[in-house]
Amino acid sequence: MDFIQNEIKEIKKLLLALNIQQKEILTIEDASQYLGLSTSRLYKMTSNKEIPHYKPGGKKIYLKRLEIDQWITNSRVSTDDDCALDMDNYLSKPLEN
């Protein structure tokens, strides 16, 4: 019986994730699931204007899934190889007079 209950919970999680993937506009709760962050962390991030969001009427907070994706991909951290390549490119530039 425990096995079946665990399987049902897992199916519910997958269905919720699929539902969120299909939405364009997310609530804080949806975005929390999507990003794997707590709702309190997201509230703090919106309060600090760290993540793009909307507050129609000044109350409930909404986020666009595509803007969240862009926010994530714009936060890329360069690898050591990227930095080494940038340094090599910089050092190989001819000197300008």
N, C-alpha and C. Protein backbone atom coordinates (compact mmCIF):
# COMPACT_ATOMS: atom_id res chain seq x y z
N MET A 1 0.82 -1.19 0.00
CA MET A 1 0.00 0.00 0.00
C MET A 1 0.87 1.26 0.00
N ASP A 2 1.97 1.26 0.77
CA ASP A 2 2.87 2.41 0.79
C ASP A 2 3.47 2.67 -0.59
N PHE A 3 3.79 1.59 -1.30
CA PHE A 3 4.35 1.72 -2.64
C PHE A 3 3.37 2.46 -3.55
N ILE A 4 2.12 2.08 -3.52
CA ILE A 4 1.11 2.71 -4.37
C ILE A 4 0.93 4.18 -4.00
N GLN A 5 0.91 4.48 -2.71
CA GLN A 5 0.77 5.88 -2.28
C GLN A 5 1.96 6.72 -2.73
N ASN A 6 3.16 6.16 -2.65
CA ASN A 6 4.35 6.87 -3.11
C ASN A 6 4.31 7.10 -4.62
N GLU A 7 3.84 6.12 -5.35
CA GLU A 7 3.72 6.25 -6.80
C GLU A 7 2.71 7.33 -7.16
N ILE A 8 1.61 7.39 -6.43
CA ILE A 8 0.58 8.41 -6.68
C ILE A 8 1.14 9.80 -6.39
N LYS A 9 1.90 9.94 -5.31
CA LYS A 9 2.53 11.22 -4.99
C LYS A 9 3.47 11.64 -6.09
N GLU A 10 4.24 10.70 -6.61
CA GLU A 10 5.19 10.99 -7.68
C GLU A 10 4.46 11.42 -8.95
N ILE A 11 3.36 10.76 -9.26
CA ILE A 11 2.56 11.12 -10.44
C ILE A 11 1.98 12.53 -10.27
N LYS A 12 1.52 12.86 -9.07
CA LYS A 12 0.99 14.20 -8.80
C LYS A 12 2.07 15.26 -9.02
N LYS A 13 3.29 14.99 -8.55
CA LYS A 13 4.40 15.92 -8.72
C LYS A 13 4.69 16.16 -10.21
N LEU A 14 4.70 15.07 -10.96
CA LEU A 14 4.98 15.17 -12.40
C LEU A 14 3.89 15.95 -13.12
N LEU A 15 2.63 15.72 -12.76
CA LEU A 15 1.53 16.45 -13.37
C LEU A 15 1.58 17.93 -13.03
N LEU A 16 1.93 18.25 -11.81
CA LEU A 16 2.07 19.65 -11.40
C LEU A 16 3.19 20.33 -12.19
N ALA A 17 4.32 19.66 -12.33
CA ALA A 17 5.45 20.20 -13.09
C ALA A 17 5.06 20.41 -14.55
N LEU A 18 4.33 19.48 -15.13
CA LEU A 18 3.88 19.60 -16.52
C LEU A 18 2.92 20.77 -16.67
N ASN A 19 2.03 20.93 -15.70
CA ASN A 19 1.07 22.04 -15.72
C ASN A 19 1.80 23.37 -15.67
N ILE A 20 2.80 23.48 -14.82
CA ILE A 20 3.56 24.72 -14.70
C ILE A 20 4.33 25.02 -15.98
N GLN A 21 4.86 23.99 -16.63
CA GLN A 21 5.60 24.17 -17.88
C GLN A 21 4.71 24.74 -18.98
N GLN A 22 3.41 24.51 -18.89
CA GLN A 22 2.48 24.97 -19.93
C GLN A 22 1.93 26.37 -19.65
N LYS A 23 2.12 26.89 -18.46
CA LYS A 23 1.62 28.21 -18.11
C LYS A 23 2.58 29.30 -18.57
N GLU A 24 2.03 30.43 -19.00
CA GLU A 24 2.85 31.58 -19.34
C GLU A 24 3.05 32.48 -18.13
N ILE A 25 1.99 32.62 -17.33
CA ILE A 25 2.02 33.47 -16.14
C ILE A 25 1.96 32.56 -14.91
N LEU A 26 2.89 32.78 -13.99
CA LEU A 26 2.97 31.94 -12.80
C LEU A 26 2.66 32.75 -11.54
N THR A 27 2.03 32.10 -10.58
CA THR A 27 1.87 32.68 -9.26
C THR A 27 3.17 32.44 -8.49
N ILE A 28 3.29 33.02 -7.33
CA ILE A 28 4.47 32.78 -6.49
C ILE A 28 4.61 31.28 -6.19
N GLU A 29 3.50 30.63 -5.93
CA GLU A 29 3.54 29.19 -5.61
C GLU A 29 4.02 28.39 -6.81
N ASP A 30 3.51 28.74 -8.02
CA ASP A 30 3.96 28.06 -9.24
C ASP A 30 5.45 28.28 -9.46
N ALA A 31 5.88 29.54 -9.33
CA ALA A 31 7.29 29.88 -9.55
C ALA A 31 8.18 29.19 -8.52
N SER A 32 7.67 29.04 -7.31
CA SER A 32 8.42 28.34 -6.27
C SER A 32 8.69 26.90 -6.70
N GLN A 33 7.66 26.24 -7.20
CA GLN A 33 7.82 24.86 -7.70
C GLN A 33 8.76 24.83 -8.90
N TYR A 34 8.58 25.77 -9.81
CA TYR A 34 9.36 25.82 -11.05
C TYR A 34 10.85 26.01 -10.77
N LEU A 35 11.16 26.90 -9.83
CA LEU A 35 12.55 27.21 -9.52
C LEU A 35 13.15 26.35 -8.42
N GLY A 36 12.30 25.67 -7.67
CA GLY A 36 12.79 24.87 -6.56
C GLY A 36 13.21 25.74 -5.39
N LEU A 37 12.57 26.89 -5.24
CA LEU A 37 12.86 27.81 -4.13
C LEU A 37 11.63 27.91 -3.24
N SER A 38 11.84 28.29 -2.00
CA SER A 38 10.70 28.47 -1.10
C SER A 38 9.95 29.74 -1.50
N THR A 39 8.67 29.79 -1.15
CA THR A 39 7.88 30.98 -1.46
C THR A 39 8.43 32.19 -0.69
N SER A 40 8.91 31.96 0.53
CA SER A 40 9.45 33.08 1.31
C SER A 40 10.69 33.66 0.62
N ARG A 41 11.52 32.81 0.04
CA ARG A 41 12.70 33.28 -0.70
C ARG A 41 12.26 34.10 -1.91
N LEU A 42 11.24 33.63 -2.62
CA LEU A 42 10.75 34.37 -3.79
C LEU A 42 10.15 35.71 -3.39
N TYR A 43 9.40 35.74 -2.29
CA TYR A 43 8.86 37.02 -1.81
C TYR A 43 10.00 37.99 -1.51
N LYS A 44 11.06 37.49 -0.89
CA LYS A 44 12.21 38.33 -0.57
C LYS A 44 12.87 38.83 -1.86
N MET A 45 13.00 37.97 -2.85
CA MET A 45 13.62 38.34 -4.12
C MET A 45 12.78 39.40 -4.86
N THR A 46 11.46 39.26 -4.81
CA THR A 46 10.62 40.27 -5.46
C THR A 46 10.67 41.58 -4.68
N SER A 47 10.71 41.50 -3.37
CA SER A 47 10.80 42.70 -2.54
C SER A 47 12.10 43.46 -2.81
N ASN A 48 13.18 42.72 -3.04
CA ASN A 48 14.49 43.32 -3.33
C ASN A 48 14.68 43.62 -4.81
N LYS A 49 13.63 43.36 -5.60
CA LYS A 49 13.67 43.57 -7.06
C LYS A 49 14.82 42.80 -7.72
N GLU A 50 15.04 41.58 -7.27
CA GLU A 50 16.09 40.72 -7.83
C GLU A 50 15.59 39.89 -8.99
N ILE A 51 14.27 39.74 -9.12
CA ILE A 51 13.69 38.90 -10.16
C ILE A 51 12.50 39.66 -10.76
N PRO A 52 12.33 39.60 -12.09
CA PRO A 52 11.22 40.34 -12.72
C PRO A 52 9.87 39.77 -12.28
N HIS A 53 8.96 40.68 -11.96
CA HIS A 53 7.63 40.25 -11.50
C HIS A 53 6.61 41.35 -11.74
N TYR A 54 5.34 41.02 -11.52
CA TYR A 54 4.22 41.94 -11.73
C TYR A 54 3.31 41.91 -10.52
N LYS A 55 2.75 43.09 -10.18
CA LYS A 55 1.83 43.20 -9.05
C LYS A 55 0.61 44.04 -9.47
N PRO A 56 -0.28 43.45 -10.26
CA PRO A 56 -1.46 44.22 -10.66
C PRO A 56 -2.31 44.55 -9.43
N GLY A 57 -2.65 45.80 -9.28
CA GLY A 57 -3.42 46.21 -8.12
C GLY A 57 -2.59 46.30 -6.85
N GLY A 58 -1.29 46.04 -6.96
CA GLY A 58 -0.40 46.15 -5.81
C GLY A 58 -0.50 45.03 -4.80
N LYS A 59 -1.15 43.94 -5.12
CA LYS A 59 -1.33 42.85 -4.14
C LYS A 59 -0.60 41.59 -4.58
N LYS A 60 -1.31 40.73 -5.27
CA LYS A 60 -0.79 39.41 -5.64
C LYS A 60 0.34 39.54 -6.66
N ILE A 61 1.35 38.69 -6.52
CA ILE A 61 2.54 38.74 -7.38
C ILE A 61 2.46 37.65 -8.45
N TYR A 62 2.80 38.05 -9.68
CA TYR A 62 2.85 37.12 -10.80
C TYR A 62 4.20 37.24 -11.49
N LEU A 63 4.62 36.15 -12.12
CA LEU A 63 5.88 36.13 -12.84
C LEU A 63 5.64 35.49 -14.21
N LYS A 64 6.34 35.99 -15.24
CA LYS A 64 6.26 35.37 -16.56
C LYS A 64 7.33 34.28 -16.62
N ARG A 65 6.90 33.10 -17.04
CA ARG A 65 7.83 31.97 -17.09
C ARG A 65 9.00 32.26 -18.03
N LEU A 66 8.73 32.89 -19.19
CA LEU A 66 9.81 33.18 -20.13
C LEU A 66 10.80 34.18 -19.55
N GLU A 67 10.32 35.16 -18.77
CA GLU A 67 11.23 36.11 -18.13
C GLU A 67 12.06 35.44 -17.05
N ILE A 68 11.48 34.48 -16.37
CA ILE A 68 12.24 33.71 -15.37
C ILE A 68 13.36 32.93 -16.07
N ASP A 69 13.01 32.31 -17.20
CA ASP A 69 14.02 31.56 -17.97
C ASP A 69 15.14 32.49 -18.43
N GLN A 70 14.78 33.69 -18.90
CA GLN A 70 15.79 34.66 -19.34
C GLN A 70 16.64 35.12 -18.16
N TRP A 71 16.01 35.36 -17.03
CA TRP A 71 16.72 35.78 -15.82
C TRP A 71 17.76 34.72 -15.43
N ILE A 72 17.35 33.46 -15.53
CA ILE A 72 18.27 32.36 -15.19
C ILE A 72 19.44 32.32 -16.16
N THR A 73 19.14 32.38 -17.46
CA THR A 73 20.21 32.25 -18.45
C THR A 73 21.10 33.49 -18.51
N ASN A 74 20.61 34.64 -18.07
CA ASN A 74 21.43 35.84 -18.03
C ASN A 74 22.35 35.86 -16.81
N SER A 75 22.20 34.90 -15.93
CA SER A 75 23.00 34.84 -14.72
C SER A 75 24.13 33.82 -14.83
N ARG A 76 24.57 33.58 -16.06
CA ARG A 76 25.60 32.57 -16.29
C ARG A 76 26.92 32.98 -15.62
N VAL A 77 27.56 32.01 -15.02
CA VAL A 77 28.87 32.21 -14.40
C VAL A 77 29.91 31.60 -15.33
N SER A 78 30.92 32.39 -15.67
CA SER A 78 31.96 31.92 -16.59
C SER A 78 32.78 30.81 -15.94
N THR A 79 33.17 29.85 -16.76
CA THR A 79 34.03 28.77 -16.29
C THR A 79 35.48 29.24 -16.30
N ASP A 80 36.35 28.48 -15.68
CA ASP A 80 37.78 28.79 -15.71
C ASP A 80 38.29 28.78 -17.14
N ASP A 81 37.78 27.84 -17.96
CA ASP A 81 38.19 27.76 -19.36
C ASP A 81 37.78 29.02 -20.12
N ASP A 82 36.56 29.54 -19.84
CA ASP A 82 36.10 30.78 -20.47
C ASP A 82 37.04 31.93 -20.14
N CYS A 83 37.40 32.02 -18.88
CA CYS A 83 38.29 33.10 -18.42
C CYS A 83 39.67 32.98 -19.06
N ALA A 84 40.18 31.77 -19.15
CA ALA A 84 41.50 31.55 -19.76
C ALA A 84 41.46 31.92 -21.25
N LEU A 85 40.38 31.55 -21.93
CA LEU A 85 40.24 31.89 -23.35
C LEU A 85 40.14 33.40 -23.53
N ASP A 86 39.38 34.07 -22.68
CA ASP A 86 39.29 35.54 -22.75
C ASP A 86 40.65 36.18 -22.53
N MET A 87 41.41 35.65 -21.58
CA MET A 87 42.74 36.20 -21.30
C MET A 87 43.66 35.97 -22.50
N ASP A 88 43.62 34.77 -23.08
CA ASP A 88 44.45 34.49 -24.26
C ASP A 88 44.10 35.43 -25.41
N ASN A 89 42.80 35.63 -25.63
CA ASN A 89 42.35 36.53 -26.70
C ASN A 89 42.81 37.95 -26.45
N TYR A 90 42.72 38.39 -25.22
CA TYR A 90 43.15 39.75 -24.87
C TYR A 90 44.65 39.92 -25.07
N LEU A 91 45.43 38.94 -24.60
CA LEU A 91 46.88 39.04 -24.71
C LEU A 91 47.38 38.90 -26.15
N SER A 92 46.59 38.26 -27.01
CA SER A 92 47.04 38.07 -28.39
C SER A 92 46.66 39.24 -29.29
N LYS A 93 45.93 40.24 -28.77
CA LYS A 93 45.58 41.41 -29.57
C LYS A 93 46.83 42.22 -29.85
N PRO A 94 46.91 42.74 -31.07
CA PRO A 94 48.07 43.60 -31.38
C PRO A 94 47.94 44.93 -30.63
N LEU A 95 49.07 45.48 -30.26
CA LEU A 95 49.08 46.77 -29.56
C LEU A 95 48.69 47.88 -30.52
N GLU A 96 47.87 48.80 -30.04
CA GLU A 96 47.45 49.93 -30.86
C GLU A 96 48.32 51.13 -30.51
N ASN A 97 48.72 51.87 -31.51
CA ASN A 97 49.55 53.07 -31.29
C ASN A 97 48.71 54.30 -31.26
